[in-house]
Amino acid sequence: MEGKYIIIEGPDGAGKDSLIDGLAKSFTLLGKSYSDFRKEFRKSPNDIILISEPSALETGQRVRELIKQKASTEELARAFSDDRKNLIKNYIQPWLEMGKIIISGRSFISSLVYQGHLINIDYLLNLEGNKVAVENGADEIIIITSPLEQLIKRINIRNNSKEFFEKKDFLKNVLNIYKNEKELMYKNKNLTLQELIKTLMPKTEIIYFDNSGPLEDLKKFSEETAEILLSN
């Protein structure tokens, strides 16, 4: 059985974890077991593996520490890249060779979106872990979005705080990039995120899901996606 690597992307508050949880539930209903490594890695994974970035590895913990310390954008970019290289080289690639289905919350795409308008994208893509990510590719990228006010509401509920409103402009910028309404500069060209992904990984399928509707819509999308993944 050929392995599959599926990436879930989108701004904070869009519902990435909810989608991954929905996929996990759908896999279970279809009689398939999964291993959730988003918080802790364990031995002997099942045929379906859930992961996230930053990872639950030591390199991922380093990223979290730097975020708390409010490290510079460049230092964070390098830490994310190191974690990504560790995750892909030592886990994702061997799992794919074993025929596993891997569902990842975030990827190097997040670095392009969140950091690409702060530092040069060419610099980001020359970091070793990001080069490995591009070379490894992905079978499918699902980009999940919601309206800005809905994102903020979900974030504030999750954080039980109103302080995120201070970052509203930043979140708006991120959302617009994911929705291809704001371009990024790559090799002296202005490209939408979709155009940039297709330039870097032409074989990767990109799917968009608007998570502004009722929970039933997300549930249905999760069920349909799980069935497709298991049938191909």
Protein backbone atom coordinates (compact mmCIF):
# COMPACT_ATOMS: atom_id res chain seq x y z
CA MET A 1 0.00 0.00 0.00
CA GLU A 2 1.33 3.41 -1.00
CA GLY A 3 1.62 5.99 1.77
CA LYS A 4 -0.18 9.33 1.68
CA TYR A 5 0.81 12.66 3.19
CA ILE A 6 -2.03 15.11 3.80
CA ILE A 7 -1.43 18.62 5.15
CA ILE A 8 -4.09 20.70 6.91
CA GLU A 9 -3.39 24.43 6.68
CA GLY A 10 -5.16 27.65 7.63
CA PRO A 11 -5.07 30.62 9.99
CA ASP A 12 -5.40 30.36 13.78
CA GLY A 13 -9.01 29.69 14.72
CA ALA A 14 -9.99 28.24 11.33
CA GLY A 15 -10.63 24.75 12.73
CA LYS A 16 -7.58 22.70 11.72
CA ASP A 17 -7.61 20.54 14.87
CA SER A 18 -11.38 20.17 14.63
CA LEU A 19 -10.98 18.89 11.08
CA ILE A 20 -8.24 16.46 12.11
CA ASP A 21 -10.39 15.26 15.02
CA GLY A 22 -13.29 14.82 12.60
CA LEU A 23 -11.13 12.80 10.24
CA ALA A 24 -9.97 10.62 13.15
CA LYS A 25 -13.57 9.94 14.18
CA SER A 26 -14.51 9.15 10.60
CA PHE A 27 -11.59 6.73 10.23
CA THR A 28 -12.75 4.94 13.39
CA LEU A 29 -16.30 4.65 12.06
CA LEU A 30 -14.87 3.17 8.87
CA GLY A 31 -13.07 0.53 10.93
CA LYS A 32 -9.56 2.02 10.81
CA SER A 33 -7.36 2.70 13.84
CA TYR A 34 -5.18 5.79 14.12
CA SER A 35 -2.26 6.99 16.24
CA ASP A 36 -2.41 10.55 17.56
CA PHE A 37 1.16 11.87 17.84
CA ARG A 38 0.23 15.55 18.09
CA LYS A 39 1.21 15.70 21.77
CA GLU A 40 3.40 12.65 22.26
CA PHE A 41 5.24 10.21 19.98
CA ARG A 42 4.91 6.50 20.71
CA LYS A 43 6.20 3.26 19.20
CA SER A 44 4.34 1.03 16.74
CA PRO A 45 2.01 3.52 15.01
CA ASN A 46 -1.22 2.43 13.36
CA ASP A 47 -1.79 2.76 9.62
CA ILE A 48 -3.16 6.31 10.08
CA ILE A 49 -0.98 8.83 11.93
CA LEU A 50 -1.94 12.31 13.17
CA ILE A 51 0.87 14.83 13.68
CA SER A 52 1.28 18.59 13.94
CA GLU A 53 3.86 21.36 13.70
CA PRO A 54 5.65 22.25 15.83
CA SER A 55 6.03 18.56 16.56
CA ALA A 56 5.92 16.67 19.85
CA LEU A 57 9.64 15.97 19.44
CA GLU A 58 12.44 17.76 21.31
CA THR A 59 12.99 19.99 18.29
CA GLY A 60 9.33 20.98 18.43
CA GLN A 61 9.59 21.78 22.13
CA ARG A 62 12.48 24.08 21.29
CA VAL A 63 10.20 25.99 18.91
CA ARG A 64 7.58 26.41 21.65
CA GLU A 65 10.21 27.71 24.06
CA LEU A 66 11.38 30.29 21.51
CA ILE A 67 7.80 31.42 20.92
CA LYS A 68 7.36 31.99 24.67
CA GLN A 69 10.65 33.89 24.74
CA LYS A 70 9.44 36.05 21.81
CA ALA A 71 12.52 35.17 19.79
CA SER A 72 13.30 36.95 16.55
CA THR A 73 11.56 35.92 13.33
CA GLU A 74 14.84 34.59 11.92
CA GLU A 75 15.56 32.45 14.99
CA LEU A 76 12.04 31.05 14.95
CA ALA A 77 12.32 30.32 11.23
CA ARG A 78 15.50 28.32 11.79
CA ALA A 79 13.96 26.42 14.73
CA PHE A 80 10.85 25.52 12.72
CA SER A 81 13.11 24.37 9.89
CA ASP A 82 15.17 22.16 12.22
CA ASP A 83 12.03 20.59 13.67
CA ARG A 84 10.63 20.04 10.18
CA LYS A 85 13.79 18.32 8.99
CA ASN A 86 13.79 16.02 12.03
CA LEU A 87 10.10 15.18 11.58
CA ILE A 88 10.26 14.49 7.85
CA LYS A 89 13.60 12.66 7.67
CA ASN A 90 13.19 10.48 10.74
CA TYR A 91 9.44 9.87 10.79
CA ILE A 92 7.35 10.99 7.83
CA GLN A 93 9.52 9.51 5.10
CA PRO A 94 9.92 6.10 6.83
CA TRP A 95 6.17 6.04 7.57
CA LEU A 96 5.35 6.76 3.93
CA GLU A 97 7.63 3.92 2.85
CA MET A 98 5.62 1.68 5.21
CA GLY A 99 2.38 2.74 3.49
CA LYS A 100 1.01 4.91 6.32
CA ILE A 101 -1.53 7.70 5.86
CA ILE A 102 -0.19 10.83 7.59
CA ILE A 103 -2.38 13.80 8.50
CA SER A 104 -0.37 16.86 9.53
CA GLY A 105 -1.68 20.02 11.15
CA ARG A 106 0.52 22.70 9.56
CA SER A 107 3.69 22.42 7.47
CA PHE A 108 6.31 24.65 5.85
CA ILE A 109 3.37 26.44 4.22
CA SER A 110 2.68 28.04 7.61
CA SER A 111 6.22 29.41 7.67
CA LEU A 112 5.67 30.99 4.25
CA VAL A 113 2.38 32.55 5.35
CA TYR A 114 3.26 33.67 8.88
CA GLN A 115 6.89 34.65 8.24
CA GLY A 116 7.05 35.27 4.50
CA HIS A 117 5.88 38.86 4.75
CA LEU A 118 8.37 39.55 7.57
CA ILE A 119 11.51 38.00 6.06
CA ASN A 120 12.51 36.99 2.55
CA ILE A 121 10.75 33.87 1.24
CA ASP A 122 13.86 32.89 -0.73
CA TYR A 123 15.72 32.85 2.60
CA LEU A 124 13.00 30.69 4.18
CA LEU A 125 13.05 28.19 1.34
CA ASN A 126 16.84 27.89 1.54
CA LEU A 127 16.66 26.67 5.14
CA GLU A 128 17.47 22.96 5.19
CA GLY A 129 14.22 21.74 6.75
CA ASN A 130 12.11 23.70 4.29
CA LYS A 131 14.11 22.37 1.34
CA VAL A 132 13.49 18.86 2.67
CA ALA A 133 9.76 19.65 2.96
CA VAL A 134 9.53 20.84 -0.64
CA GLU A 135 11.46 17.81 -1.89
CA ASN A 136 9.27 15.46 0.15
CA GLY A 137 6.12 17.09 -1.23
CA ALA A 138 2.58 16.22 -0.21
CA ASP A 139 -0.30 14.39 -1.82
CA GLU A 140 -2.87 16.93 -0.74
CA ILE A 141 -3.09 20.26 1.08
CA ILE A 142 -6.43 21.20 2.63
CA ILE A 143 -6.68 24.91 3.38
CA ILE A 144 -9.44 25.69 5.87
CA THR A 145 -10.58 29.28 6.44
CA SER A 146 -13.32 31.30 8.16
CA PRO A 147 -14.28 35.00 8.24
CA LEU A 148 -11.97 37.19 10.33
CA GLU A 149 -14.43 37.94 13.14
CA GLN A 150 -15.20 34.23 13.47
CA LEU A 151 -11.48 33.44 13.76
CA ILE A 152 -11.06 36.03 16.49
CA LYS A 153 -14.09 34.77 18.39
CA ARG A 154 -12.80 31.19 18.38
CA ILE A 155 -9.30 32.25 19.42
CA ASN A 156 -10.60 34.32 22.31
CA ILE A 157 -12.81 31.45 23.51
CA ARG A 158 -9.85 29.07 23.32
CA ASN A 159 -7.47 31.44 25.10
CA ASN A 160 -10.13 32.84 27.47
CA SER A 161 -8.64 36.25 26.76
CA LYS A 162 -9.33 39.41 24.80
CA GLU A 163 -5.68 40.26 24.22
CA PHE A 164 -5.67 38.64 20.78
CA PHE A 165 -7.61 41.59 19.44
CA GLU A 166 -4.26 43.40 19.49
CA LYS A 167 -3.14 41.04 16.72
CA LYS A 168 -6.23 41.52 14.55
CA ASP A 169 -4.33 43.20 11.71
CA PHE A 170 -1.74 40.41 11.66
CA LEU A 171 -4.46 37.74 11.57
CA LYS A 172 -6.25 39.60 8.78
CA ASN A 173 -3.05 39.61 6.75
CA VAL A 174 -2.56 35.87 7.32
CA LEU A 175 -6.17 35.13 6.35
CA ASN A 176 -5.85 37.14 3.14
CA ILE A 177 -2.73 35.19 2.16
CA TYR A 178 -4.48 31.85 2.72
CA LYS A 179 -7.45 33.10 0.67
CA ASN A 180 -5.14 34.20 -2.17
CA GLU A 181 -6.21 37.82 -1.70
CA LYS A 182 -2.69 38.98 -0.74
CA GLU A 183 0.41 38.01 -2.68
CA LEU A 184 3.87 36.92 -1.55
CA MET A 185 7.17 37.83 -3.19
CA TYR A 186 9.18 34.87 -4.51
CA LYS A 187 12.15 35.26 -6.86
CA ASN A 188 11.12 38.84 -7.61
CA LYS A 189 7.60 37.78 -8.58
CA ASN A 190 4.32 38.45 -6.78
CA LEU A 191 2.46 35.15 -6.38
CA THR A 192 -0.66 34.07 -4.56
CA LEU A 193 -0.17 31.24 -2.06
CA GLN A 194 -1.83 28.82 -4.45
CA GLU A 195 0.53 29.86 -7.26
CA LEU A 196 3.52 29.55 -4.94
CA ILE A 197 2.54 26.06 -3.78
CA LYS A 198 2.00 24.94 -7.38
CA THR A 199 5.38 26.38 -8.34
CA LEU A 200 7.12 24.46 -5.55
CA MET A 201 5.02 21.27 -5.61
CA PRO A 202 3.18 21.01 -8.96
CA LYS A 203 1.81 17.52 -8.26
CA THR A 204 0.16 18.46 -4.96
CA GLU A 205 -3.63 18.81 -4.95
CA ILE A 206 -4.99 21.86 -3.12
CA ILE A 207 -8.48 21.76 -1.59
CA TYR A 208 -10.25 24.69 0.07
CA PHE A 209 -12.89 24.42 2.79
CA ASP A 210 -14.85 27.38 4.17
CA ASN A 211 -15.53 26.61 7.84
CA SER A 212 -17.97 29.46 8.40
CA GLY A 213 -21.07 27.26 8.38
CA PRO A 214 -22.62 24.93 10.97
CA LEU A 215 -20.65 22.09 12.57
CA GLU A 216 -22.58 19.64 10.40
CA ASP A 217 -20.74 20.99 7.32
CA LEU A 218 -17.34 20.24 8.87
CA LYS A 219 -18.55 16.80 9.95
CA LYS A 220 -19.73 16.01 6.42
CA PHE A 221 -16.49 17.24 4.88
CA SER A 222 -14.47 15.12 7.35
CA GLU A 223 -16.50 12.02 6.52
CA GLU A 224 -16.20 12.53 2.77
CA THR A 225 -12.47 13.22 2.96
CA ALA A 226 -11.80 10.14 5.11
CA GLU A 227 -13.71 7.93 2.67
CA ILE A 228 -11.75 9.30 -0.29
CA LEU A 229 -8.40 8.81 1.47
CA LEU A 230 -9.20 5.18 2.26
CA SER A 231 -10.62 4.39 -1.16
CA ASN A 232 -7.68 5.63 -3.27
